[in-house]
Amino acid sequence: MKIFSEKHQELTDFEEIILDIEKERDTLNYCRASIQCCLWNLENPKIEKFDKDRFVKDLRENLNKKEKAQAKLEYLKHSKLRSEMFRLNIIG
């Protein structure tokens, strides 16, 4: 997917950083929704042990994914994006 036209080759890295940020935001949104779903299912008093174990495993995996995505998002926003904006003389 392209944000900027082919005429602006100097914006290629900037575009890639923006798309990576959006990807990590999508990952965070998915993890939040999945975590909520697991918690709602675990609140069911009639849940079977097999289902409970599966939801706990999914919860743990999504918490780890969320943590990784949050760390990568912070790195992209505060390090890579800032330096690229500085290189391109973009203020704001």
Protein backbone atom coordinates (compact mmCIF):
# COMPACT_ATOMS: atom_id res chain seq x y z
CA MET A 1 0.00 0.00 0.00
CA LYS A 2 1.26 3.48 -0.87
CA ILE A 3 0.48 6.67 0.98
CA PHE A 4 2.59 9.02 -1.09
CA SER A 5 2.99 9.10 -4.86
CA GLU A 6 6.03 7.74 -6.67
CA LYS A 7 7.29 11.31 -7.22
CA HIS A 8 8.25 11.59 -3.55
CA GLN A 9 10.99 8.98 -3.18
CA GLU A 10 12.42 10.75 -0.12
CA LEU A 11 9.24 9.83 1.78
CA THR A 12 9.65 6.07 1.32
CA ASP A 13 11.15 5.47 4.79
CA PHE A 14 8.62 7.83 6.36
CA GLU A 15 5.78 5.92 4.71
CA GLU A 16 7.17 2.59 5.92
CA ILE A 17 7.38 3.86 9.51
CA ILE A 18 3.79 5.12 9.38
CA LEU A 19 2.54 1.77 8.07
CA ASP A 20 4.49 -0.09 10.78
CA ILE A 21 2.90 2.15 13.43
CA GLU A 22 -0.57 1.39 12.07
CA LYS A 23 0.21 -2.33 12.03
CA GLU A 24 1.22 -2.24 15.70
CA ARG A 25 -1.92 -0.26 16.58
CA ASP A 26 -4.03 -2.91 14.87
CA THR A 27 -2.19 -5.62 16.81
CA LEU A 28 -2.89 -3.77 20.07
CA ASN A 29 -6.58 -3.42 19.24
CA TYR A 30 -6.83 -7.12 18.40
CA CYS A 31 -5.08 -8.10 21.63
CA ARG A 32 -7.32 -5.87 23.74
CA ALA A 33 -10.45 -7.36 22.18
CA SER A 34 -9.17 -10.90 22.57
CA ILE A 35 -8.18 -10.31 26.21
CA GLN A 36 -11.66 -8.96 26.97
CA CYS A 37 -13.25 -11.97 25.28
CA CYS A 38 -11.12 -14.39 27.31
CA LEU A 39 -11.97 -12.59 30.56
CA TRP A 40 -15.70 -12.65 29.79
CA ASN A 41 -15.53 -16.36 29.06
CA LEU A 42 -13.55 -17.06 32.23
CA GLU A 43 -16.24 -15.32 34.30
CA ASN A 44 -18.76 -17.98 33.28
CA PRO A 45 -19.33 -20.17 36.36
CA LYS A 46 -20.26 -23.19 34.20
CA ILE A 47 -17.01 -23.24 32.22
CA GLU A 48 -15.34 -26.62 31.77
CA LYS A 49 -11.71 -27.21 32.69
CA PHE A 50 -10.63 -27.77 29.07
CA ASP A 51 -12.16 -24.45 27.99
CA LYS A 52 -10.78 -22.66 31.02
CA ASP A 53 -7.25 -23.89 30.25
CA ARG A 54 -7.60 -22.79 26.62
CA PHE A 55 -8.82 -19.31 27.58
CA VAL A 56 -6.01 -18.90 30.13
CA LYS A 57 -3.47 -19.90 27.47
CA ASP A 58 -5.00 -17.45 24.97
CA LEU A 59 -5.03 -14.74 27.60
CA ARG A 60 -1.34 -15.26 28.38
CA GLU A 61 -0.40 -15.25 24.67
CA ASN A 62 -2.37 -12.08 23.96
CA LEU A 63 -0.92 -10.30 26.97
CA ASN A 64 2.57 -11.12 25.68
CA LYS A 65 1.66 -9.98 22.14
CA LYS A 66 0.21 -6.77 23.56
CA GLU A 67 3.36 -6.06 25.54
CA LYS A 68 5.59 -6.61 22.49
CA ALA A 69 3.37 -4.48 20.26
CA GLN A 70 3.29 -1.68 22.84
CA ALA A 71 7.08 -1.68 23.14
CA LYS A 72 7.54 -1.68 19.35
CA LEU A 73 4.95 1.08 18.94
CA GLU A 74 6.74 3.28 21.48
CA TYR A 75 10.06 2.67 19.73
CA LEU A 76 8.59 3.48 16.32
CA LYS A 77 6.83 6.63 17.48
CA HIS A 78 9.51 8.09 19.73
CA SER A 79 12.68 7.04 18.00
CA LYS A 80 12.26 6.18 14.34
CA LEU A 81 9.41 8.55 13.51
CA ARG A 82 11.00 11.50 15.32
CA SER A 83 14.36 11.02 13.63
CA GLU A 84 12.74 10.61 10.20
CA MET A 85 10.60 13.72 10.72
CA PHE A 86 13.72 15.62 11.78
CA ARG A 87 15.56 14.39 8.68
CA LEU A 88 12.69 15.56 6.45
CA ASN A 89 12.32 18.88 8.33
CA ILE A 90 8.73 18.10 9.32
CA ILE A 91 7.61 20.02 12.39
CA GLY A 92 4.82 18.76 14.64
